């Protein structure tokens, strides 16, 4: 959480496993939200994000924050990425 609060994290991929991790999921999610850090909560959205980042790097395009690629993917857990 300190890394999120100190601006050291740019993207959080938080996929909880079972009921025991719900507290951690909530705390990490709120820390990301409060500090304007993009976060992903599904494996399919994470895989889509990785593919988009790899494609951007391969193309030599300037990097952008993930939140500028697609806010809808983060809000609705829909893996849509506009490249």
Protein backbone atom coordinates (compact mmCIF):
# COMPACT_ATOMS: atom_id res chain seq x y z
CA UNK A 1 0.00 0.00 0.00
CA UNK A 2 2.87 2.35 0.73
CA UNK A 3 4.19 1.91 -2.81
CA UNK A 4 0.80 2.89 -4.21
CA UNK A 5 0.54 5.90 -1.90
CA UNK A 6 4.10 7.01 -2.73
CA UNK A 7 3.49 6.95 -6.49
CA UNK A 8 5.80 4.00 -7.16
CA UNK A 9 3.02 1.89 -8.74
CA UNK A 10 1.40 2.84 -12.05
CA UNK A 11 -0.92 -0.14 -12.55
CA UNK A 12 -2.42 -2.60 -10.07
CA UNK A 13 -3.59 -6.04 -11.18
CA UNK A 14 -5.67 -7.31 -8.28
CA UNK A 15 -7.38 -10.68 -8.80
CA UNK A 16 -8.43 -12.08 -5.41
CA UNK A 17 -8.63 -15.79 -4.72
CA UNK A 18 -11.44 -16.77 -2.37
CA UNK A 19 -13.22 -15.07 0.48
CA UNK A 20 -10.16 -14.71 2.71
CA UNK A 21 -8.55 -12.25 0.31
CA UNK A 22 -11.61 -9.95 0.02
CA UNK A 23 -10.27 -7.61 2.71
CA UNK A 24 -6.97 -7.21 0.85
CA UNK A 25 -8.81 -6.71 -2.44
CA UNK A 26 -10.88 -3.92 -0.91
CA UNK A 27 -7.90 -2.20 0.74
CA UNK A 28 -5.72 -2.37 -2.38
CA UNK A 29 -8.56 -1.19 -4.60
CA UNK A 30 -9.31 1.81 -2.43
CA UNK A 31 -5.62 2.72 -2.15
CA UNK A 32 -5.38 2.65 -5.95
CA UNK A 33 -8.57 4.66 -6.38
CA UNK A 34 -7.60 7.30 -3.82
CA UNK A 35 -4.18 7.73 -5.41
CA UNK A 36 -5.47 7.73 -9.01
CA UNK A 37 -3.65 4.51 -9.90
CA UNK A 38 -5.25 2.38 -12.59
CA UNK A 39 -6.32 -1.07 -11.49
CA UNK A 40 -7.55 -4.24 -13.15
CA UNK A 41 -9.63 -6.86 -11.39
CA UNK A 42 -9.94 -9.67 -13.94
CA UNK A 43 -7.38 -11.90 -15.63
CA UNK A 44 -8.90 -11.30 -19.06
CA UNK A 45 -8.54 -7.52 -18.67
CA UNK A 46 -4.96 -7.99 -17.43
CA UNK A 47 -4.11 -10.17 -20.44
CA UNK A 48 -5.60 -7.55 -22.77
CA UNK A 49 -3.60 -4.80 -21.08
CA UNK A 50 -0.36 -6.79 -21.41
CA UNK A 51 -1.01 -7.38 -25.12
CA UNK A 52 -1.73 -3.68 -25.69
CA UNK A 53 1.42 -2.60 -23.85
CA UNK A 54 3.53 -5.13 -25.79
CA UNK A 55 2.06 -3.93 -29.09
CA UNK A 56 2.77 -0.31 -28.21
CA UNK A 57 6.37 -1.08 -27.27
CA UNK A 58 6.93 -3.12 -30.42
CA UNK A 59 5.52 -0.34 -32.60
CA UNK A 60 7.79 2.19 -30.94
CA UNK A 61 4.86 4.40 -30.02
CA UNK A 62 5.27 6.71 -27.07
CA UNK A 63 4.04 5.19 -23.83
CA UNK A 64 0.84 6.38 -22.22
CA UNK A 65 -0.67 5.65 -18.86
CA UNK A 66 -3.02 2.68 -19.05
CA UNK A 67 -5.91 4.81 -17.82
CA UNK A 68 -5.66 6.88 -21.00
CA UNK A 69 -5.92 3.75 -23.15
CA UNK A 70 -9.34 2.76 -21.86
CA UNK A 71 -11.08 3.91 -18.69
CA UNK A 72 -14.07 1.73 -19.52
CA UNK A 73 -12.02 -1.46 -19.15
CA UNK A 74 -11.22 -0.53 -15.57
CA UNK A 75 -14.65 0.64 -14.55
CA UNK A 76 -16.72 -2.14 -16.08
CA UNK A 77 -14.11 -4.92 -16.11
CA UNK A 78 -14.56 -5.05 -19.87
CA UNK A 79 -11.28 -5.80 -21.64
CA UNK A 80 -11.56 -3.09 -24.29
CA UNK A 81 -8.34 -1.45 -25.37
CA UNK A 82 -8.14 1.31 -27.97
CA UNK A 83 -4.71 1.41 -29.56
